Amino acid sequence: MFSFFKKSGDKPIPAEAPPTPTKSAVVDAPVPAVEAVPKSSWTQRLKQGLSRTREQFGKQLSNLFSRGGKIDADLYDELETILLTADVGVDASQYLLDSLRQRVKKDRLTDATQLQAALHDTLCTLLSPLEQALDVSTHKPYVIMLAGVNGAGKTTTIGKLAKYYQAQGKSVLLAAGDTFRAAAREQLMVWGERNNVAVIAQDGGDSAAVIFDAIAAARARGIDIVLADTAGRLPTQLNLMEEIRKVKRVIQKAEPTAPHEVLLVLDANTGQNAVTQVKAFDDALGVTGLVLTKLDGTAKGGVIAAIAKTRPHPIRFIGVGESLEDLRPFVAQDFVDALFEGPAP
């Protein structure tokens, strides 16, 4: 059964000291039926979720290349504009253009219609190193700490990750470490009910204390995975960035090898700002993986290429919709295929 651990009255804890263990009340809650999810393949979901980026990127590329004609400076200029408009970024765009020029020379390509396949392959080459699946079998409990700016979708991502790992036969526990946003705890409880997993939370108090207790509870119960939420913060809020460093230090006191993964959740709608966020949170926490959310709501999906070129980190998952099934591991080939292919069925 889903259990909600309610804690109250905890005092703020020093930055370098673990919180004093306290007793938690366990209250059983009814588990509502999981809502039905339309049965469509991931390929179809991915194509549909990337439709806006494909309109901005894939369709314009197709129009450019299908005209035929010679491969010249004007064509490269148009291609550069398309890449930059899709938020591929200056560095990644230059890399792709240089790679194409080398391919044209090497393979002696002479017609623009030959460039689409070449660009497809070059994008796959650029993005493939980011395709690294997360191995959660190395520790028990495996502690995943999630961070990101306000509104990036951390809490929703936790709910979807819980469902994903349950489908793999893993037991999951959620830590409501966002003690700042009023609705965050309640939102995570809803996800806990939906997925039938335990949530460790408290009324207000200290984020580090909640996650510390969650790790202890997971160890006692033999739980496989702890998903730890944290409050959203901007990289420019230096006091809050120091606070999240403290959360990580306290996690290490609860479990010296943890956190085993520091996932940064990025909203794809932010475009090039996502690259700035990766740098700032990586400098503060040592980010080990990325989750790119809301790709279905933006035409700026090319930012993945910008990340690959300027701040490469494994993209563990991408989100292309609101349902539980719409968060999946990143596969470079599938992603690029969905950008270049026609409309989703």
Protein backbone atom coordinates (compact mmCIF):
# COMPACT_ATOMS: atom_id res chain seq x y z
CA MET A 1 0.00 0.00 0.00
CA PHE A 2 0.99 3.60 -0.51
CA SER A 3 2.24 5.15 2.69
CA PHE A 4 2.72 8.81 3.51
CA PHE A 5 5.28 9.52 6.21
CA LYS A 6 4.40 12.80 7.84
CA LYS A 7 7.03 14.63 9.85
CA SER A 8 6.79 17.94 11.60
CA GLY A 9 8.73 20.04 14.03
CA ASP A 10 12.19 19.37 12.60
CA LYS A 11 14.68 22.16 13.12
CA PRO A 12 16.98 23.39 10.34
CA ILE A 13 20.14 21.32 10.27
CA PRO A 14 23.73 22.58 10.04
CA ALA A 15 25.33 22.42 6.61
CA GLU A 16 27.86 19.77 7.58
CA ALA A 17 25.92 17.76 10.15
CA PRO A 18 23.41 14.98 9.54
CA PRO A 19 19.92 15.59 10.91
CA THR A 20 18.90 13.98 14.15
CA PRO A 21 16.73 10.93 13.39
CA THR A 22 13.09 11.38 14.35
CA LYS A 23 10.11 9.06 14.39
CA SER A 24 7.72 9.17 11.44
CA ALA A 25 4.06 8.40 11.54
CA VAL A 26 2.83 6.02 8.86
CA VAL A 27 -0.61 6.63 7.43
CA ASP A 28 -2.13 4.36 4.81
CA ALA A 29 -3.91 6.06 1.94
CA PRO A 30 -6.26 4.64 -0.68
CA VAL A 31 -4.71 3.89 -4.03
CA PRO A 32 -6.74 5.22 -6.97
CA ALA A 33 -6.85 3.30 -10.22
CA VAL A 34 -4.07 4.17 -12.63
CA GLU A 35 -5.50 6.04 -15.58
CA ALA A 36 -5.50 4.26 -18.91
CA VAL A 37 -2.73 5.26 -21.32
CA PRO A 38 -3.28 5.13 -25.08
CA LYS A 39 -1.41 2.23 -26.59
CA SER A 40 0.79 3.73 -29.27
CA SER A 41 4.39 2.88 -30.00
CA TRP A 42 7.21 4.98 -28.63
CA THR A 43 8.26 5.84 -32.18
CA GLN A 44 4.83 7.31 -32.85
CA ARG A 45 4.88 9.19 -29.55
CA LEU A 46 8.33 10.55 -30.26
CA LYS A 47 7.40 11.73 -33.74
CA GLN A 48 4.23 13.33 -32.46
CA GLY A 49 6.03 14.92 -29.51
CA LEU A 50 8.70 16.42 -31.75
CA SER A 51 6.22 17.74 -34.33
CA ARG A 52 6.92 21.41 -33.55
CA THR A 53 10.66 21.00 -33.84
CA ARG A 54 10.20 18.95 -37.00
CA GLU A 55 8.10 21.75 -38.52
CA GLN A 56 10.80 24.27 -37.67
CA PHE A 57 13.76 22.06 -38.48
CA GLY A 58 13.01 18.92 -40.47
CA LYS A 59 10.47 20.47 -42.85
CA GLN A 60 12.69 23.45 -43.65
CA LEU A 61 15.64 21.15 -44.24
CA SER A 62 13.56 19.00 -46.54
CA ASN A 63 12.44 22.04 -48.51
CA LEU A 64 16.03 23.28 -48.76
CA PHE A 65 17.52 20.00 -49.91
CA SER A 66 14.67 18.90 -52.18
CA ARG A 67 15.20 21.93 -54.42
CA GLY A 68 18.32 20.29 -55.71
CA GLY A 69 20.97 22.36 -57.38
CA LYS A 70 24.60 22.78 -56.60
CA ILE A 71 26.13 22.77 -53.15
CA ASP A 72 27.45 26.28 -52.68
CA ALA A 73 27.97 29.04 -50.10
CA ASP A 74 24.37 30.21 -50.38
CA LEU A 75 23.06 26.76 -49.51
CA TYR A 76 25.34 26.54 -46.48
CA ASP A 77 24.16 30.00 -45.36
CA GLU A 78 20.51 28.92 -45.55
CA LEU A 79 21.32 25.72 -43.69
CA GLU A 80 23.07 27.67 -40.95
CA THR A 81 19.99 29.87 -40.50
CA ILE A 82 17.75 26.82 -40.14
CA LEU A 83 20.07 25.28 -37.57
CA LEU A 84 20.30 28.44 -35.48
CA THR A 85 16.53 28.97 -35.60
CA ALA A 86 16.04 25.49 -34.12
CA ASP A 87 18.42 26.44 -31.26
CA VAL A 88 21.17 24.11 -32.36
CA GLY A 89 23.54 26.86 -31.23
CA VAL A 90 26.55 28.52 -32.82
CA ASP A 91 29.17 25.91 -31.86
CA ALA A 92 27.08 22.89 -32.84
CA SER A 93 25.94 24.57 -36.08
CA GLN A 94 29.53 25.28 -37.04
CA TYR A 95 30.49 21.69 -36.23
CA LEU A 96 27.68 20.32 -38.40
CA LEU A 97 28.50 22.64 -41.30
CA ASP A 98 32.20 21.82 -41.15
CA SER A 99 31.43 18.10 -40.99
CA LEU A 100 29.13 18.40 -43.99
CA ARG A 101 31.77 20.21 -46.00
CA GLN A 102 34.23 17.42 -45.23
CA ARG A 103 31.63 14.82 -46.18
CA VAL A 104 30.89 16.62 -49.46
CA LYS A 105 34.58 16.67 -50.32
CA LYS A 106 35.25 13.09 -49.23
CA ASP A 107 32.24 11.54 -50.97
CA ARG A 108 32.32 13.98 -53.89
CA LEU A 109 28.72 15.04 -53.42
CA THR A 110 27.54 17.48 -56.03
CA ASP A 111 23.78 17.92 -55.56
CA ALA A 112 21.88 19.39 -52.61
CA THR A 113 19.52 16.41 -52.52
CA GLN A 114 22.44 14.32 -51.27
CA LEU A 115 22.94 16.47 -48.18
CA GLN A 116 19.92 15.37 -46.14
CA ALA A 117 21.25 11.86 -45.54
CA ALA A 118 24.68 13.31 -44.81
CA LEU A 119 23.28 15.74 -42.22
CA HIS A 120 21.20 12.95 -40.66
CA ASP A 121 24.32 10.83 -40.18
CA THR A 122 26.35 13.77 -38.86
CA LEU A 123 23.68 14.60 -36.26
CA CYS A 124 23.61 10.98 -35.12
CA THR A 125 27.38 11.05 -34.74
CA LEU A 126 27.18 14.22 -32.64
CA LEU A 127 24.36 13.00 -30.37
CA SER A 128 25.28 9.33 -29.94
CA PRO A 129 27.79 9.93 -27.10
CA LEU A 130 24.92 11.37 -25.01
CA GLU A 131 23.03 8.08 -25.28
CA GLN A 132 24.02 6.42 -22.02
CA ALA A 133 21.44 4.40 -20.13
CA LEU A 134 21.32 4.82 -16.35
CA ASP A 135 22.41 1.66 -14.51
CA VAL A 136 20.59 1.57 -11.16
CA SER A 137 21.81 -1.91 -10.20
CA THR A 138 25.13 -0.79 -8.73
CA HIS A 139 23.79 0.21 -5.29
CA LYS A 140 20.79 -0.52 -3.07
CA PRO A 141 19.17 1.80 -2.45
CA TYR A 142 20.22 3.67 -5.58
CA VAL A 143 19.76 7.36 -4.73
CA ILE A 144 18.82 9.72 -7.57
CA MET A 145 18.85 13.41 -6.68
CA LEU A 146 16.91 15.69 -9.04
CA ALA A 147 17.65 19.39 -9.47
CA GLY A 148 16.67 22.21 -11.81
CA VAL A 149 15.15 25.65 -12.12
CA ASN A 150 11.59 26.49 -11.12
CA GLY A 151 9.02 24.97 -13.45
CA ALA A 152 11.38 22.61 -15.27
CA GLY A 153 9.21 19.64 -14.34
CA LYS A 154 11.18 17.91 -11.59
CA THR A 155 8.22 16.65 -9.58
CA THR A 156 6.37 15.37 -12.63
CA THR A 157 9.56 13.73 -13.85
CA ILE A 158 9.88 11.92 -10.52
CA GLY A 159 6.39 10.52 -10.90
CA LYS A 160 7.13 9.28 -14.39
CA LEU A 161 10.48 7.81 -13.35
CA ALA A 162 8.75 5.93 -10.53
CA LYS A 163 6.39 4.38 -13.05
CA TYR A 164 9.24 3.58 -15.44
CA TYR A 165 11.30 1.76 -12.82
CA GLN A 166 8.30 -0.06 -11.37
CA ALA A 167 7.67 -1.45 -14.85
CA GLN A 168 11.19 -2.92 -14.61
CA GLY A 169 10.32 -4.65 -11.36
CA LYS A 170 12.13 -2.16 -9.10
CA SER A 171 10.78 -0.93 -5.78
CA VAL A 172 10.77 2.86 -5.47
CA LEU A 173 10.51 5.42 -2.66
CA LEU A 174 9.95 9.14 -3.15
CA ALA A 175 11.49 11.90 -1.03
CA ALA A 176 9.53 15.18 -1.03
CA GLY A 177 12.62 17.34 -0.72
CA ASP A 178 10.98 20.43 -2.23
CA THR A 179 9.91 21.96 1.08
CA PHE A 180 9.77 25.46 -0.37
CA ARG A 181 6.95 25.28 -2.93
CA ALA A 182 3.61 24.95 -1.17
CA ALA A 183 2.06 22.43 -3.55
CA ALA A 184 5.17 20.35 -4.21
CA ARG A 185 4.59 17.90 -1.35
CA GLU A 186 0.96 17.38 -2.30
CA GLN A 187 1.88 16.96 -5.96
CA LEU A 188 4.42 14.29 -5.11
CA MET A 189 1.87 12.52 -2.89
CA VAL A 190 -0.50 12.34 -5.86
CA TRP A 191 2.24 10.74 -7.93
CA GLY A 192 2.90 8.36 -5.04
CA GLU A 193 -0.76 7.35 -4.97
CA ARG A 194 -0.88 6.96 -8.71
CA ASN A 195 2.18 4.69 -8.71
CA ASN A 196 1.44 3.01 -5.37
CA VAL A 197 4.77 3.94 -3.79
CA ALA A 198 5.75 5.41 -0.43
CA VAL A 199 6.48 9.12 -0.04
CA ILE A 200 8.64 10.57 2.74
CA ALA A 201 7.61 14.14 3.52
CA GLN A 202 7.16 16.72 6.25
CA ASP A 203 5.29 19.97 6.76
CA GLY A 204 7.85 22.63 5.87
CA GLY A 205 11.24 22.09 7.45
CA ASP A 206 14.50 21.14 5.83
CA SER A 207 14.94 19.48 2.46
CA ALA A 208 18.09 17.66 3.52
CA ALA A 209 16.34 16.19 6.57
CA VAL A 210 13.54 14.77 4.41
CA ILE A 211 15.96 13.09 2.02
CA PHE A 212 18.13 11.84 4.91
CA ASP A 213 15.07 10.14 6.43
CA ALA A 214 14.03 8.76 3.03
CA ILE A 215 17.38 7.04 2.55
CA ALA A 216 17.18 5.52 6.05
CA ALA A 217 13.63 4.28 5.34
CA ALA A 218 14.65 2.84 1.99
CA ARG A 219 17.57 0.98 3.56
CA ALA A 220 15.32 -0.44 6.28
CA ARG A 221 12.68 -1.57 3.79
CA GLY A 222 15.07 -2.94 1.17
CA ILE A 223 13.94 -0.42 -1.44
CA ASP A 224 15.79 -0.41 -4.77
CA ILE A 225 15.58 3.27 -5.78
CA VAL A 226 15.14 6.58 -3.95
CA LEU A 227 13.98 9.51 -6.08
CA ALA A 228 14.76 12.73 -4.20
CA ASP A 229 13.00 15.94 -5.19
CA THR A 230 14.56 19.35 -4.47
CA ALA A 231 13.21 22.88 -4.67
CA GLY A 232 13.60 24.74 -7.94
CA ARG A 233 16.18 27.50 -8.01
CA LEU A 234 17.86 29.80 -10.50
CA PRO A 235 21.64 29.54 -10.96
CA THR A 236 21.89 33.25 -10.08
CA GLN A 237 20.41 32.65 -6.61
CA LEU A 238 23.74 31.99 -4.94
CA ASN A 239 22.29 31.31 -1.49
CA LEU A 240 19.95 28.68 -2.91
CA MET A 241 22.74 27.09 -4.93
CA GLU A 242 24.73 26.78 -1.71
CA GLU A 243 21.69 25.25 -0.05
CA ILE A 244 21.46 22.50 -2.67
CA ARG A 245 25.16 21.79 -2.18
CA LYS A 246 24.31 21.25 1.48
CA VAL A 247 21.56 18.80 0.51
CA LYS A 248 24.09 16.77 -1.44
CA ARG A 249 26.53 16.78 1.51
CA VAL A 250 23.84 15.53 3.89
CA ILE A 251 22.89 12.79 1.43
CA GLN A 252 26.51 11.67 1.55
CA LYS A 253 26.30 11.49 5.33
CA ALA A 254 23.24 9.26 5.08
CA GLU A 255 24.94 7.07 2.46
CA PRO A 256 28.63 7.76 1.69
CA THR A 257 28.36 6.56 -1.93
CA ALA A 258 25.25 8.65 -2.63
CA PRO A 259 23.84 10.40 -4.52
CA HIS A 260 24.57 7.84 -7.17
CA GLU A 261 23.04 10.04 -9.85
CA VAL A 262 22.51 13.80 -9.94
CA LEU A 263 19.88 14.41 -12.60
CA LEU A 264 19.39 17.93 -13.91
CA VAL A 265 15.89 18.45 -15.30
CA LEU A 266 15.78 20.91 -18.21
CA ASP A 267 12.75 22.48 -19.85
CA ALA A 268 13.31 22.30 -23.62
CA ASN A 269 11.35 25.53 -24.04
CA THR A 270 14.28 27.49 -22.58
CA GLY A 271 16.41 26.82 -25.65
CA GLN A 272 19.99 27.99 -25.33
CA ASN A 273 19.43 28.92 -21.69
CA ALA A 274 19.42 25.17 -21.00
CA VAL A 275 23.14 25.10 -21.82
CA THR A 276 23.76 27.83 -19.24
CA GLN A 277 21.79 25.85 -16.65
CA VAL A 278 23.84 22.72 -17.31
CA LYS A 279 27.05 24.64 -16.68
CA ALA A 280 25.81 26.32 -13.48
CA PHE A 281 24.34 23.20 -11.86
CA ASP A 282 27.27 21.07 -12.97
CA ASP A 283 29.70 23.49 -11.32
CA ALA A 284 27.63 23.40 -8.12
CA LEU A 285 26.69 19.73 -7.88
CA GLY A 286 28.63 17.66 -10.38
CA VAL A 287 25.72 16.75 -12.66
CA THR A 288 25.91 13.16 -13.91
CA GLY A 289 22.89 13.08 -16.22
CA LEU A 290 20.17 15.17 -17.85
CA VAL A 291 16.43 14.88 -18.35
CA LEU A 292 15.01 17.06 -21.14
CA THR A 293 11.30 17.68 -20.62
CA LYS A 294 8.49 19.32 -22.63
CA LEU A 295 9.98 18.60 -26.04
CA ASP A 296 6.40 18.37 -27.28
CA GLY A 297 5.79 22.03 -26.48
CA THR A 298 8.72 23.63 -28.26
CA ALA A 299 10.30 24.10 -31.68
CA LYS A 300 13.71 24.30 -29.99
CA GLY A 301 14.54 20.60 -29.74
CA GLY A 302 17.83 21.33 -31.49
CA VAL A 303 19.19 22.42 -28.11
CA ILE A 304 20.21 18.78 -27.60
CA ALA A 305 22.86 19.34 -30.27
CA ALA A 306 24.03 22.47 -28.47
CA ILE A 307 24.40 20.50 -25.23
CA ALA A 308 26.29 17.75 -27.06
CA LYS A 309 28.82 20.21 -28.43
CA THR A 310 29.29 22.71 -25.60
CA ARG A 311 28.50 20.86 -22.36
CA PRO A 312 28.17 17.13 -23.11
CA HIS A 313 26.44 15.14 -20.39
CA PRO A 314 24.51 11.90 -20.76
CA ILE A 315 20.86 12.53 -21.58
CA ARG A 316 19.23 9.82 -19.49
CA PHE A 317 15.62 10.57 -20.43
CA ILE A 318 13.52 12.80 -22.67
CA GLY A 319 9.88 13.79 -22.19
CA VAL A 320 7.55 14.27 -25.15
CA GLY A 321 4.13 14.44 -23.51
CA GLU A 322 2.10 14.50 -20.31
CA SER A 323 1.26 10.83 -19.86
CA LEU A 324 3.24 8.39 -17.74
CA GLU A 325 4.44 6.67 -20.90
CA ASP A 326 5.94 9.81 -22.42
CA LEU A 327 9.26 9.80 -20.55
CA ARG A 328 11.77 7.36 -22.01
CA PRO A 329 15.54 6.86 -22.28
CA PHE A 330 17.19 8.98 -24.95
CA VAL A 331 18.14 7.12 -28.13
CA ALA A 332 20.04 9.30 -30.60
CA GLN A 333 19.03 7.40 -33.73
CA ASP A 334 15.32 7.48 -32.84
CA PHE A 335 15.50 11.17 -31.99
CA VAL A 336 17.16 12.15 -35.27
CA ASP A 337 14.84 9.92 -37.28
CA ALA A 338 11.84 11.65 -35.70
CA LEU A 339 13.21 15.05 -36.73
CA PHE A 340 13.62 14.12 -40.37
CA GLU A 341 10.60 11.92 -41.00
CA GLY A 342 7.14 13.02 -42.03
CA PRO A 343 4.14 13.85 -39.79
CA ALA A 344 3.33 11.52 -36.94
CA PRO A 345 0.46 9.12 -37.67
